[in-house]
């Protein structure tokens, strides 16, 4: 559950090397994915279970 901003720069650098992208693009993509994940979790928590009697 680490936030992207708390990842070490060396990790982002290694991802950029593995993906053949520059570090800025990798970091921005990670932030987008983190935002999508947060929205998904938020939507999951809003769902209310209804009990049918």
PDB file of N, CA and C in Angstrom:
ATOM      1  N   UNK A   1       0.810  -1.191   0.000  1.00  0.00           N
ATOM      2  CA  UNK A   1       0.000   0.000   0.000  1.00  0.00           C
ATOM      3  C   UNK A   1       0.859   1.264   0.000  1.00  0.00           C
ATOM      4  N   UNK A   2       2.039   1.167  -0.559  1.00  0.00           N
ATOM      5  CA  UNK A   2       2.905   2.350  -0.630  1.00  0.00           C
ATOM      6  C   UNK A   2       2.401   3.300  -1.701  1.00  0.00           C
ATOM      7  N   UNK A   3       2.535   4.570  -1.434  1.00  0.00           N
ATOM      8  CA  UNK A   3       2.173   5.591  -2.404  1.00  0.00           C
ATOM      9  C   UNK A   3       3.326   5.756  -3.386  1.00  0.00           C
ATOM     10  N   UNK A   4       3.002   6.156  -4.589  1.00  0.00           N
ATOM     11  CA  UNK A   4       4.013   6.304  -5.632  1.00  0.00           C
ATOM     12  C   UNK A   4       5.081   7.315  -5.220  1.00  0.00           C
ATOM     13  N   UNK A   5       4.667   8.407  -4.582  1.00  0.00           N
ATOM     14  CA  UNK A   5       5.645   9.431  -4.203  1.00  0.00           C
ATOM     15  C   UNK A   5       6.650   8.933  -3.173  1.00  0.00           C
ATOM     16  N   UNK A   6       6.346   7.819  -2.504  1.00  0.00           N
ATOM     17  CA  UNK A   6       7.274   7.296  -1.497  1.00  0.00           C
ATOM     18  C   UNK A   6       8.226   6.236  -2.060  1.00  0.00           C
ATOM     19  N   UNK A   7       8.068   5.894  -3.333  1.00  0.00           N
ATOM     20  CA  UNK A   7       8.962   4.901  -3.940  1.00  0.00           C
ATOM     21  C   UNK A   7      10.349   5.505  -4.147  1.00  0.00           C
ATOM     22  N   UNK A   8      11.382   4.721  -3.960  1.00  0.00           N
ATOM     23  CA  UNK A   8      12.732   5.236  -4.198  1.00  0.00           C
ATOM     24  C   UNK A   8      12.951   5.519  -5.689  1.00  0.00           C
ATOM     25  N   UNK A   9      13.731   6.538  -5.969  1.00  0.00           N
ATOM     26  CA  UNK A   9      14.019   6.910  -7.354  1.00  0.00           C
ATOM     27  C   UNK A   9      14.681   5.754  -8.102  1.00  0.00           C
ATOM     28  N   UNK A  10      15.466   4.954  -7.405  1.00  0.00           N
ATOM     29  CA  UNK A  10      16.139   3.830  -8.064  1.00  0.00           C
ATOM     30  C   UNK A  10      15.128   2.813  -8.589  1.00  0.00           C
ATOM     31  N   UNK A  11      13.999   2.661  -7.895  1.00  0.00           N
ATOM     32  CA  UNK A  11      12.957   1.742  -8.352  1.00  0.00           C
ATOM     33  C   UNK A  11      12.327   2.259  -9.643  1.00  0.00           C
ATOM     34  N   UNK A  12      12.011   3.549  -9.667  1.00  0.00           N
ATOM     35  CA  UNK A  12      11.430   4.147 -10.874  1.00  0.00           C
ATOM     36  C   UNK A  12      12.444   4.084 -12.016  1.00  0.00           C
ATOM     37  N   UNK A  13      13.700   4.311 -11.704  1.00  0.00           N
ATOM     38  CA  UNK A  13      14.757   4.227 -12.712  1.00  0.00           C
ATOM     39  C   UNK A  13      14.837   2.820 -13.300  1.00  0.00           C
ATOM     40  N   UNK A  14      14.807   1.810 -12.445  1.00  0.00           N
ATOM     41  CA  UNK A  14      14.854   0.424 -12.922  1.00  0.00           C
ATOM     42  C   UNK A  14      13.640   0.094 -13.783  1.00  0.00           C
ATOM     43  N   UNK A  15      12.469   0.583 -13.391  1.00  0.00           N
ATOM     44  CA  UNK A  15      11.277   0.376 -14.220  1.00  0.00           C
ATOM     45  C   UNK A  15      11.430   1.047 -15.581  1.00  0.00           C
ATOM     46  N   UNK A  16      12.015   2.229 -15.583  1.00  0.00           N
ATOM     47  CA  UNK A  16      12.195   2.937 -16.852  1.00  0.00           C
ATOM     48  C   UNK A  16      13.163   2.189 -17.763  1.00  0.00           C
ATOM     49  N   UNK A  17      14.198   1.612 -17.186  1.00  0.00           N
ATOM     50  CA  UNK A  17      15.128   0.816 -17.993  1.00  0.00           C
ATOM     51  C   UNK A  17      14.443  -0.429 -18.551  1.00  0.00           C
ATOM     52  N   UNK A  18      13.666  -1.085 -17.725  1.00  0.00           N
ATOM     53  CA  UNK A  18      12.990  -2.313 -18.146  1.00  0.00           C
ATOM     54  C   UNK A  18      11.935  -2.045 -19.210  1.00  0.00           C
ATOM     55  N   UNK A  19      11.329  -0.866 -19.167  1.00  0.00           N
ATOM     56  CA  UNK A  19      10.253  -0.557 -20.112  1.00  0.00           C
ATOM     57  C   UNK A  19      10.724   0.271 -21.302  1.00  0.00           C
ATOM     58  N   UNK A  20      11.979   0.651 -21.315  1.00  0.00           N
ATOM     59  CA  UNK A  20      12.545   1.505 -22.367  1.00  0.00           C
ATOM     60  C   UNK A  20      11.814   2.839 -22.469  1.00  0.00           C
ATOM     61  N   UNK A  21      11.377   3.342 -21.334  1.00  0.00           N
ATOM     62  CA  UNK A  21      10.729   4.656 -21.264  1.00  0.00           C
ATOM     63  C   UNK A  21      11.584   5.544 -20.374  1.00  0.00           C
ATOM     64  N   UNK A  22      11.364   6.868 -20.482  1.00  0.00           N
ATOM     65  CA  UNK A  22      12.121   7.730 -19.573  1.00  0.00           C
ATOM     66  C   UNK A  22      11.438   7.765 -18.213  1.00  0.00           C
ATOM     67  N   UNK A  23      12.191   8.192 -17.214  1.00  0.00           N
ATOM     68  CA  UNK A  23      11.694   8.140 -15.833  1.00  0.00           C
ATOM     69  C   UNK A  23      10.439   8.990 -15.634  1.00  0.00           C
ATOM     70  N   UNK A  24      10.377  10.127 -16.300  1.00  0.00           N
ATOM     71  CA  UNK A  24       9.212  11.003 -16.152  1.00  0.00           C
ATOM     72  C   UNK A  24       7.948  10.315 -16.633  1.00  0.00           C
ATOM     73  N   UNK A  25       8.032   9.660 -17.785  1.00  0.00           N
ATOM     74  CA  UNK A  25       6.864   8.956 -18.326  1.00  0.00           C
ATOM     75  C   UNK A  25       6.440   7.809 -17.417  1.00  0.00           C
ATOM     76  N   UNK A  26       7.403   7.080 -16.900  1.00  0.00           N
ATOM     77  CA  UNK A  26       7.100   5.968 -15.993  1.00  0.00           C
ATOM     78  C   UNK A  26       6.436   6.496 -14.726  1.00  0.00           C
ATOM     79  N   UNK A  27       6.982   7.556 -14.166  1.00  0.00           N
ATOM     80  CA  UNK A  27       6.433   8.135 -12.935  1.00  0.00           C
ATOM     81  C   UNK A  27       5.004   8.630 -13.161  1.00  0.00           C
ATOM     82  N   UNK A  28       4.776   9.312 -14.280  1.00  0.00           N
ATOM     83  CA  UNK A  28       3.434   9.814 -14.588  1.00  0.00           C
ATOM     84  C   UNK A  28       2.452   8.670 -14.779  1.00  0.00           C
ATOM     85  N   UNK A  29       2.885   7.614 -15.447  1.00  0.00           N
ATOM     86  CA  UNK A  29       2.015   6.450 -15.644  1.00  0.00           C
ATOM     87  C   UNK A  29       1.680   5.794 -14.306  1.00  0.00           C
ATOM     88  N   UNK A  30       2.655   5.690 -13.431  1.00  0.00           N
ATOM     89  CA  UNK A  30       2.407   5.131 -12.101  1.00  0.00           C
ATOM     90  C   UNK A  30       1.400   5.978 -11.322  1.00  0.00           C
ATOM     91  N   UNK A  31       1.501   7.293 -11.443  1.00  0.00           N
ATOM     92  CA  UNK A  31       0.550   8.173 -10.759  1.00  0.00           C
ATOM     93  C   UNK A  31      -0.862   7.992 -11.305  1.00  0.00           C
ATOM     94  N   UNK A  32      -0.979   7.816 -12.611  1.00  0.00           N
ATOM     95  CA  UNK A  32      -2.288   7.569 -13.222  1.00  0.00           C
ATOM     96  C   UNK A  32      -2.865   6.257 -12.710  1.00  0.00           C
ATOM     97  N   UNK A  33      -2.047   5.220 -12.686  1.00  0.00           N
ATOM     98  CA  UNK A  33      -2.509   3.921 -12.191  1.00  0.00           C
ATOM     99  C   UNK A  33      -2.893   3.990 -10.718  1.00  0.00           C
ATOM    100  N   UNK A  34      -2.128   4.731  -9.931  1.00  0.00           N
ATOM    101  CA  UNK A  34      -2.448   4.892  -8.516  1.00  0.00           C
ATOM    102  C   UNK A  34      -3.798   5.591  -8.349  1.00  0.00           C
ATOM    103  N   UNK A  35      -4.040   6.611  -9.161  1.00  0.00           N
ATOM    104  CA  UNK A  35      -5.306   7.335  -9.101  1.00  0.00           C
ATOM    105  C   UNK A  35      -6.471   6.416  -9.473  1.00  0.00           C
ATOM    106  N   UNK A  36      -6.304   5.625 -10.527  1.00  0.00           N
ATOM    107  CA  UNK A  36      -7.345   4.681 -10.927  1.00  0.00           C
ATOM    108  C   UNK A  36      -7.608   3.654  -9.824  1.00  0.00           C
ATOM    109  N   UNK A  37      -6.566   3.196  -9.178  1.00  0.00           N
ATOM    110  CA  UNK A  37      -6.702   2.238  -8.080  1.00  0.00           C
ATOM    111  C   UNK A  37      -7.457   2.861  -6.906  1.00  0.00           C
ATOM    112  N   UNK A  38      -7.124   4.103  -6.592  1.00  0.00           N
ATOM    113  CA  UNK A  38      -7.812   4.804  -5.504  1.00  0.00           C
ATOM    114  C   UNK A  38      -9.298   4.976  -5.816  1.00  0.00           C
ATOM    115  N   UNK A  39      -9.609   5.314  -7.062  1.00  0.00           N
ATOM    116  CA  UNK A  39     -11.010   5.470  -7.457  1.00  0.00           C
ATOM    117  C   UNK A  39     -11.744   4.140  -7.376  1.00  0.00           C
ATOM    118  N   UNK A  40     -11.102   3.075  -7.794  1.00  0.00           N
ATOM    119  CA  UNK A  40     -11.709   1.751  -7.721  1.00  0.00           C
ATOM    120  C   UNK A  40     -12.014   1.385  -6.272  1.00  0.00           C
ATOM    121  N   UNK A  41     -11.051   1.584  -5.391  1.00  0.00           N
ATOM    122  CA  UNK A  41     -11.256   1.281  -3.968  1.00  0.00           C
ATOM    123  C   UNK A  41     -12.362   2.132  -3.373  1.00  0.00           C
ATOM    124  N   UNK A  42     -12.416   3.377  -3.773  1.00  0.00           N
ATOM    125  CA  UNK A  42     -13.462   4.271  -3.277  1.00  0.00           C
ATOM    126  C   UNK A  42     -14.839   3.776  -3.707  1.00  0.00           C
ATOM    127  N   UNK A  43     -14.953   3.341  -4.949  1.00  0.00           N
ATOM    128  CA  UNK A  43     -16.226   2.817  -5.457  1.00  0.00           C
ATOM    129  C   UNK A  43     -16.607   1.523  -4.757  1.00  0.00           C
ATOM    130  N   UNK A  44     -15.639   0.687  -4.442  1.00  0.00           N
ATOM    131  CA  UNK A  44     -15.914  -0.577  -3.762  1.00  0.00           C
ATOM    132  C   UNK A  44     -16.435  -0.333  -2.350  1.00  0.00           C
ATOM    133  N   UNK A  45     -15.918   0.673  -1.693  1.00  0.00           N
ATOM    134  CA  UNK A  45     -16.330   0.961  -0.319  1.00  0.00           C
ATOM    135  C   UNK A  45     -17.722   1.578  -0.267  1.00  0.00           C
ATOM    136  N   UNK A  46     -18.153   2.208  -1.359  1.00  0.00           N
ATOM    137  CA  UNK A  46     -19.464   2.843  -1.384  1.00  0.00           C
ATOM    138  C   UNK A  46     -20.596   1.846  -1.559  1.00  0.00           C
ATOM    139  N   UNK A  47     -20.267   0.687  -2.070  1.00  0.00           N
ATOM    140  CA  UNK A  47     -21.302  -0.314  -2.283  1.00  0.00           C
ATOM    141  C   UNK A  47     -21.861  -0.764  -0.938  1.00  0.00           C
ATOM    142  N   UNK A  48     -23.155  -0.796  -0.858  1.00  0.00           N
ATOM    143  CA  UNK A  48     -23.821  -1.180   0.382  1.00  0.00           C
ATOM    144  C   UNK A  48     -24.525  -2.506   0.150  1.00  0.00           C
ATOM    145  N   UNK A  49     -24.267  -3.430   1.038  1.00  0.00           N
ATOM    146  CA  UNK A  49     -24.929  -4.722   0.934  1.00  0.00           C
ATOM    147  C   UNK A  49     -26.361  -4.583   1.416  1.00  0.00           C
ATOM    148  N   UNK A  50     -27.261  -5.137   0.643  1.00  0.00           N
ATOM    149  CA  UNK A  50     -28.666  -5.097   1.020  1.00  0.00           C
ATOM    150  C   UNK A  50     -29.106  -6.498   1.395  1.00  0.00           C
ATOM    151  N   UNK A  51     -29.819  -6.583   2.475  1.00  0.00           N
ATOM    152  CA  UNK A  51     -30.305  -7.878   2.926  1.00  0.00           C
ATOM    153  C   UNK A  51     -31.771  -7.994   2.543  1.00  0.00           C
ATOM    154  N   UNK A  52     -32.077  -9.074   1.864  1.00  0.00           N
ATOM    155  CA  UNK A  52     -33.455  -9.323   1.464  1.00  0.00           C
ATOM    156  C   UNK A  52     -34.046 -10.336   2.422  1.00  0.00           C
ATOM    157  N   UNK A  53     -35.158  -9.955   3.037  1.00  0.00           N
ATOM    158  CA  UNK A  53     -35.820 -10.854   3.981  1.00  0.00           C
ATOM    159  C   UNK A  53     -36.915 -11.632   3.295  1.00  0.00           C
TER     160      UNK A  53
END
